[in-house]
C-alpha cells in the first residue's frame, strides 16, 4: 500500500491515523472542506472538496489504492432537527460523492476502510455484542450508523473491498470524552452517570489508529468492533480516571433527568450501555497495546 486517501484526516482520529501511515512509509492524500487546511508536503497532500455542492478535486485519487473514511459531523453537539440531518448527510452524502467519482472515472481504488460506531447496537446491560448481531438500535444513533454503513456498503458494487470499524469510546488526551471527564474530577466534582452500571466499550486512540492501518494493510473485509478487550462500567471508568489523577470521588451520581434537561436527546450518549466484543478483531491477528483501562488512562493522563 503506497498512497492512502483519508477523509476527516484533520480530526482527532484522523491525525493519529496520519501518524501511523507515515510511520509505515505511506503517502497520505486527504480531503478537506477548508481551503486554509490544504497543505502540500512530500508525504501529506491536501485536496479540496465541497460535498454540499458535489465538488471534489479528482487529483486526490491519483495513485490511491485505499480510502480511509472518517468524515462526519460531531455527535457531541445539541441534536436540533436541523443538526440531526447534518449528522446523517455528512456521512452519507460524502460517501456518495466518493462513490460517484470512482464510478464515473473508473479509479483503481481497491479498498475502503470506514469508520462506523457501536451505537448501532441496542442499549443493554446484559448483552455482549459481536459483529453479527442482527438487530439495530432504534435510537437516533442506531439510525445514523445504519444509514452510514449502507452508504459505505455500496462501494462493493464497484469491486472495492469494504471494511467497517464500529468505534467505541475513544480515549485521547487531546480531545473527545476523556478531557471532558477529567475536568470535573480534577476540581473534585467528578461523578458517575445514572446508576453507573452502563457498559463503556472503550479504545485507546493509538490502538484505534493502528487498527485502521492493520485492516488496510491486510486487506481485511467486513465489520470489526473498534473496542479494547475489557469494557468497564461507567462507575469503573470514573473511578479509574480519579485514581490516575489522584482525586477523590465524593459527589453522588448524576441523575439521568438532570442531564436530559442540560443536553436534550443527546443525553443518551452518557447513559447508553453497549458491552461490545473485540474477539473478531483479535482473532484476525490484531494485537492491542492497551487491553485494560488503567494502563490506557495512565498513558494518557498519568
Protein backbone atom coordinates (compact mmCIF):
# COMPACT_ATOMS: atom_id res chain seq x y z
CA UNK A 1 0.00 0.00 0.00
CA UNK A 2 1.60 3.20 -1.15
CA UNK A 3 -0.94 6.03 -1.16
CA UNK A 4 -3.94 6.34 1.13
CA UNK A 5 -6.77 8.85 0.70
CA UNK A 6 -8.21 9.96 4.06
CA UNK A 7 -11.44 11.84 4.67
CA UNK A 8 -11.57 13.50 8.09
CA UNK A 9 -7.76 13.48 8.31
CA UNK A 10 -7.58 16.71 10.32
CA UNK A 11 -9.87 15.42 13.08
CA UNK A 12 -8.85 13.75 16.34
CA UNK A 13 -8.74 10.18 14.99
CA UNK A 14 -7.57 11.27 11.54
CA UNK A 15 -4.45 12.99 12.85
CA UNK A 16 -3.45 9.82 14.72
CA UNK A 17 -4.02 7.68 11.61
CA UNK A 18 -1.87 10.07 9.54
CA UNK A 19 0.97 9.49 12.03
CA UNK A 20 0.60 5.71 11.71
CA UNK A 21 0.53 5.99 7.90
CA UNK A 22 3.76 7.99 7.91
CA UNK A 23 5.37 5.53 10.35
CA UNK A 24 4.55 2.85 7.75
CA UNK A 25 6.03 4.92 4.88
CA UNK A 26 2.60 5.61 3.41
CA UNK A 27 1.85 8.67 1.32
CA UNK A 28 -1.31 10.45 2.55
CA UNK A 29 -3.78 12.32 0.37
CA UNK A 30 -6.55 13.96 2.35
CA UNK A 31 -9.78 15.76 1.53
CA UNK A 32 -10.80 18.92 3.35
CA UNK A 33 -13.67 21.39 3.04
CA UNK A 34 -11.41 24.15 4.34
CA UNK A 35 -9.03 25.71 1.83
CA UNK A 36 -6.83 27.04 4.64
CA UNK A 37 -6.18 23.42 5.73
CA UNK A 38 -4.67 22.49 2.36
CA UNK A 39 -1.04 21.51 2.59
CA UNK A 40 1.44 20.06 0.14
CA UNK A 41 4.28 18.21 1.81
CA UNK A 42 6.27 15.30 0.44
CA UNK A 43 4.06 12.70 2.10
CA UNK A 44 0.93 14.70 3.02
CA UNK A 45 -1.10 16.43 0.30
CA UNK A 46 -4.48 18.10 0.76
CA UNK A 47 -7.27 18.32 -1.80
CA UNK A 48 -10.40 20.46 -1.63
CA UNK A 49 -13.92 19.09 -1.72
CA UNK A 50 -17.37 20.55 -1.15
CA UNK A 51 -19.85 17.71 -0.67
CA UNK A 52 -22.83 20.11 -0.48
CA UNK A 53 -22.01 21.34 -3.99
CA UNK A 54 -20.89 17.85 -5.12
CA UNK A 55 -17.41 19.21 -5.87
CA UNK A 56 -14.25 17.14 -5.45
CA UNK A 57 -10.70 17.62 -6.72
CA UNK A 58 -10.28 14.39 -8.70
CA UNK A 59 -6.48 14.63 -8.37
CA UNK A 60 -6.96 13.26 -4.86
CA UNK A 61 -7.42 9.75 -6.33
CA UNK A 62 -4.08 9.74 -8.17
CA UNK A 63 -2.10 6.65 -7.13
CA UNK A 64 -4.60 5.80 -4.38
CA UNK A 65 -5.47 2.17 -3.72
CA UNK A 66 -7.05 2.57 -0.26
CA UNK A 67 -9.54 5.06 1.22
CA UNK A 68 -9.82 5.57 4.96
CA UNK A 69 -13.20 7.20 5.53
CA UNK A 70 -13.62 9.12 8.80
CA UNK A 71 -15.67 12.14 7.77
CA UNK A 72 -18.79 13.07 9.72
CA UNK A 73 -20.17 15.94 11.80
CA UNK A 74 -19.60 15.53 15.53
CA UNK A 75 -22.40 13.93 17.54
CA UNK A 76 -21.26 15.90 20.62
CA UNK A 77 -23.35 18.94 19.78
CA UNK A 78 -27.00 19.56 20.65
CA UNK A 79 -29.28 17.49 18.41
CA UNK A 80 -31.68 20.02 16.89
CA UNK A 81 -33.77 18.69 13.99
CA UNK A 82 -31.51 20.54 11.52
CA UNK A 83 -28.33 19.29 13.14
CA UNK A 84 -29.62 15.70 13.10
CA UNK A 85 -29.95 16.00 9.32
CA UNK A 86 -26.37 17.30 9.14
CA UNK A 87 -25.06 14.37 11.24
CA UNK A 88 -26.57 11.95 8.72
CA UNK A 89 -25.82 13.85 5.48
CA UNK A 90 -22.18 14.50 6.50
CA UNK A 91 -21.73 10.73 6.45
CA UNK A 92 -23.96 9.59 3.58
CA UNK A 93 -23.53 12.46 1.08
CA UNK A 94 -19.74 12.34 1.39
CA UNK A 95 -19.71 8.59 0.75
CA UNK A 96 -21.91 9.08 -2.30
CA UNK A 97 -19.59 11.77 -3.68
CA UNK A 98 -16.60 9.42 -3.39
CA UNK A 99 -18.62 6.56 -4.87
CA UNK A 100 -19.81 8.64 -7.84
CA UNK A 101 -16.29 9.91 -8.56
CA UNK A 102 -14.76 6.41 -8.53
CA UNK A 103 -17.58 5.02 -10.67
CA UNK A 104 -17.53 7.83 -13.24
CA UNK A 105 -13.74 7.78 -13.74
CA UNK A 106 -13.03 4.11 -13.02
CA UNK A 107 -10.31 4.96 -10.49
CA UNK A 108 -8.47 1.73 -9.48
CA UNK A 109 -9.19 2.03 -5.75
CA UNK A 110 -9.16 -1.43 -4.18
CA UNK A 111 -10.30 -0.99 -0.59
CA UNK A 112 -12.29 1.36 1.65
CA UNK A 113 -11.91 1.19 5.44
CA UNK A 114 -14.67 3.26 7.00
CA UNK A 115 -15.45 4.46 10.48
CA UNK A 116 -18.73 3.32 11.99
CA UNK A 117 -19.96 3.21 15.59
CA UNK A 118 -21.10 0.81 18.30
CA UNK A 119 -24.21 2.99 18.59
CA UNK A 120 -25.76 0.56 16.11
CA UNK A 121 -26.14 -1.97 18.98
CA UNK A 122 -29.22 -1.59 21.23
CA UNK A 123 -28.58 -0.32 24.74
CA UNK A 124 -28.33 -3.26 27.15
CA UNK A 125 -26.62 -4.05 30.45
CA UNK A 126 -26.72 -7.81 29.85
CA UNK A 127 -26.00 -8.49 26.17
CA UNK A 128 -22.46 -8.97 24.82
CA UNK A 129 -22.38 -7.71 21.24
CA UNK A 130 -20.45 -9.34 18.43
CA UNK A 131 -20.37 -8.03 14.86
CA UNK A 132 -23.04 -10.41 13.56
CA UNK A 133 -25.74 -9.22 15.98
CA UNK A 134 -28.66 -8.55 13.64
CA UNK A 135 -30.99 -6.16 15.49
CA UNK A 136 -30.10 -2.49 15.24
CA UNK A 137 -30.77 0.10 17.93
CA UNK A 138 -33.92 2.13 17.32
CA UNK A 139 -32.28 5.24 18.78
CA UNK A 140 -31.19 8.17 16.62
CA UNK A 141 -27.60 6.92 16.81
CA UNK A 142 -28.71 3.50 15.61
CA UNK A 143 -30.41 5.12 12.61
CA UNK A 144 -27.31 7.19 11.83
CA UNK A 145 -25.00 4.16 11.83
CA UNK A 146 -27.41 2.06 9.77
CA UNK A 147 -27.56 4.71 7.02
CA UNK A 148 -23.81 5.33 7.26
CA UNK A 149 -22.94 1.65 6.81
CA UNK A 150 -25.38 1.25 3.90
CA UNK A 151 -23.71 4.18 2.13
CA UNK A 152 -20.29 2.54 2.59
CA UNK A 153 -21.51 -0.94 1.57
CA UNK A 154 -22.31 0.39 -1.91
CA UNK A 155 -18.60 0.54 -2.74
CA UNK A 156 -18.58 -3.25 -3.03
CA UNK A 157 -20.62 -2.91 -6.25
CA UNK A 158 -17.57 -1.15 -7.75
CA UNK A 159 -15.33 -4.08 -6.83
CA UNK A 160 -13.81 -2.49 -3.71
CA UNK A 161 -13.22 -4.48 -0.57
CA UNK A 162 -15.25 -2.85 2.22
CA UNK A 163 -14.25 -2.78 5.90
CA UNK A 164 -16.17 -1.01 8.68
CA UNK A 165 -14.84 -0.32 12.16
CA UNK A 166 -17.55 0.15 14.77
CA UNK A 167 -15.81 2.54 17.11
CA UNK A 168 -16.45 2.66 20.86
CA UNK A 169 -15.49 5.37 23.35
CA UNK A 170 -12.20 6.76 22.03
CA UNK A 171 -9.75 7.71 24.75
CA UNK A 172 -7.34 10.53 23.92
CA UNK A 173 -5.76 13.29 25.95
CA UNK A 174 -6.15 15.68 23.01
CA UNK A 175 -9.95 15.68 22.71
CA UNK A 176 -13.15 13.68 22.84
CA UNK A 177 -14.70 12.41 26.08
CA UNK A 178 -11.67 11.90 28.32
CA UNK A 179 -10.60 15.55 28.83
CA UNK A 180 -14.26 16.44 29.50
CA UNK A 181 -14.45 13.68 32.13
CA UNK A 182 -11.15 14.72 33.67
CA UNK A 183 -12.10 18.41 34.13
CA UNK A 184 -14.70 18.00 36.91
CA UNK A 185 -12.69 15.17 38.51
CA UNK A 186 -9.66 17.46 38.76
CA UNK A 187 -11.90 20.02 40.51
CA UNK A 188 -13.19 17.40 42.95
CA UNK A 189 -16.61 17.40 41.27
CA UNK A 190 -16.48 14.11 39.35
CA UNK A 191 -19.29 11.58 39.48
CA UNK A 192 -20.68 8.63 37.52
CA UNK A 193 -23.88 8.99 35.49
CA UNK A 194 -27.18 7.41 36.47
CA UNK A 195 -26.69 4.10 38.27
CA UNK A 196 -23.18 3.90 36.79
CA UNK A 197 -23.80 0.33 35.61
CA UNK A 198 -23.94 1.17 31.89
CA UNK A 199 -21.15 -0.50 29.93
CA UNK A 200 -18.45 1.63 28.30
CA UNK A 201 -16.66 -0.16 25.49
CA UNK A 202 -13.54 1.96 25.10
CA UNK A 203 -10.40 2.03 22.97
CA UNK A 204 -7.11 3.93 23.26
CA UNK A 205 -6.74 6.22 20.24
CA UNK A 206 -3.34 4.74 19.40
CA UNK A 207 -4.84 1.24 19.11
CA UNK A 208 -7.72 2.57 17.02
CA UNK A 209 -5.37 4.25 14.53
CA UNK A 210 -3.29 1.07 14.34
CA UNK A 211 -6.46 -0.97 13.72
CA UNK A 212 -7.42 1.15 10.70
CA UNK A 213 -3.95 0.64 9.25
CA UNK A 214 -3.99 -3.09 10.08
CA UNK A 215 -7.22 -3.73 8.18
CA UNK A 216 -5.94 -1.64 5.27
CA UNK A 217 -2.60 -3.45 5.06
CA UNK A 218 -4.10 -6.93 5.46
CA UNK A 219 -6.97 -6.11 3.05
CA UNK A 220 -9.45 -7.50 5.58
CA UNK A 221 -13.14 -7.11 4.71
CA UNK A 222 -16.26 -6.93 6.84
CA UNK A 223 -17.28 -5.40 10.16
CA UNK A 224 -14.87 -5.16 13.10
CA UNK A 225 -15.57 -3.74 16.54
CA UNK A 226 -13.09 -0.99 17.37
CA UNK A 227 -13.06 -1.60 21.12
CA UNK A 228 -10.47 -2.87 23.60
CA UNK A 229 -10.87 -6.38 25.05
CA UNK A 230 -12.07 -5.29 28.52
CA UNK A 231 -15.10 -2.98 28.66
CA UNK A 232 -15.93 -1.40 32.03
CA UNK A 233 -18.92 0.17 33.75
CA UNK A 234 -19.33 3.94 33.83
CA UNK A 235 -18.60 3.81 37.57
CA UNK A 236 -15.36 1.92 36.97
CA UNK A 237 -14.31 4.35 34.24
CA UNK A 238 -14.94 7.32 36.53
CA UNK A 239 -13.03 5.67 39.41
CA UNK A 240 -10.02 4.82 37.25
CA UNK A 241 -9.74 8.40 35.92
CA UNK A 242 -9.99 9.70 39.51
CA UNK A 243 -7.35 7.23 40.74
CA UNK A 244 -4.91 8.16 37.97
CA UNK A 245 -5.45 11.87 38.73
CA UNK A 246 -5.23 11.11 42.49
CA UNK A 247 -8.57 12.83 43.17
CA UNK A 248 -11.43 11.71 45.43
CA UNK A 249 -14.97 10.98 44.21
CA UNK A 250 -17.27 12.42 46.87
CA UNK A 251 -20.38 13.52 44.96
CA UNK A 252 -23.45 11.34 44.35
CA UNK A 253 -24.06 10.01 40.86
CA UNK A 254 -25.57 12.47 38.38
CA UNK A 255 -29.23 11.59 37.70
CA UNK A 256 -30.47 10.98 34.18
CA UNK A 257 -33.21 13.64 34.31
CA UNK A 258 -30.63 16.35 35.14
CA UNK A 259 -28.53 15.56 32.07
CA UNK A 260 -31.65 15.35 29.91
CA UNK A 261 -32.50 18.90 30.96
CA UNK A 262 -28.99 20.07 30.06
CA UNK A 263 -28.36 18.09 26.87
CA UNK A 264 -31.78 17.14 25.50
CA UNK A 265 -31.89 13.94 23.43
CA UNK A 266 -28.09 13.91 23.25
CA UNK A 267 -28.01 12.82 26.91
CA UNK A 268 -28.26 9.20 25.71
CA UNK A 269 -24.54 9.40 24.87
CA UNK A 270 -23.90 9.24 28.62
CA UNK A 271 -26.46 6.58 29.54
CA UNK A 272 -26.50 4.07 26.66
CA UNK A 273 -24.91 0.75 27.57
CA UNK A 274 -23.12 -1.40 24.98
CA UNK A 275 -20.83 -4.22 26.08
CA UNK A 276 -19.01 -5.00 22.86
CA UNK A 277 -16.67 -7.86 21.98
CA UNK A 278 -13.21 -7.44 20.46
CA UNK A 279 -12.81 -11.17 19.78
CA UNK A 280 -13.17 -10.99 15.98
CA UNK A 281 -10.57 -8.20 15.83
CA UNK A 282 -8.12 -10.21 17.93
CA UNK A 283 -8.81 -13.44 16.01
CA UNK A 284 -7.91 -11.52 12.82
CA UNK A 285 -4.42 -11.11 14.31
CA UNK A 286 -4.62 -7.57 15.67
CA UNK A 287 -2.61 -7.10 18.88
CA UNK A 288 -3.93 -4.42 21.22
CA UNK A 289 -1.32 -2.39 23.02
CA UNK A 290 -3.84 -1.37 25.69
CA UNK A 291 -6.01 -4.28 26.87
CA UNK A 292 -7.01 -2.82 30.24
CA UNK A 293 -8.37 0.58 31.18
CA UNK A 294 -5.98 1.71 33.91
CA UNK A 295 -2.77 1.45 31.83
CA UNK A 296 -4.57 3.26 28.99
CA UNK A 297 -5.66 6.13 31.26
CA UNK A 298 -2.22 6.20 32.90
CA UNK A 299 -0.63 6.53 29.46
CA UNK A 300 -2.93 9.43 28.54
CA UNK A 301 -3.30 11.33 31.83
CA UNK A 302 -0.59 9.99 34.14
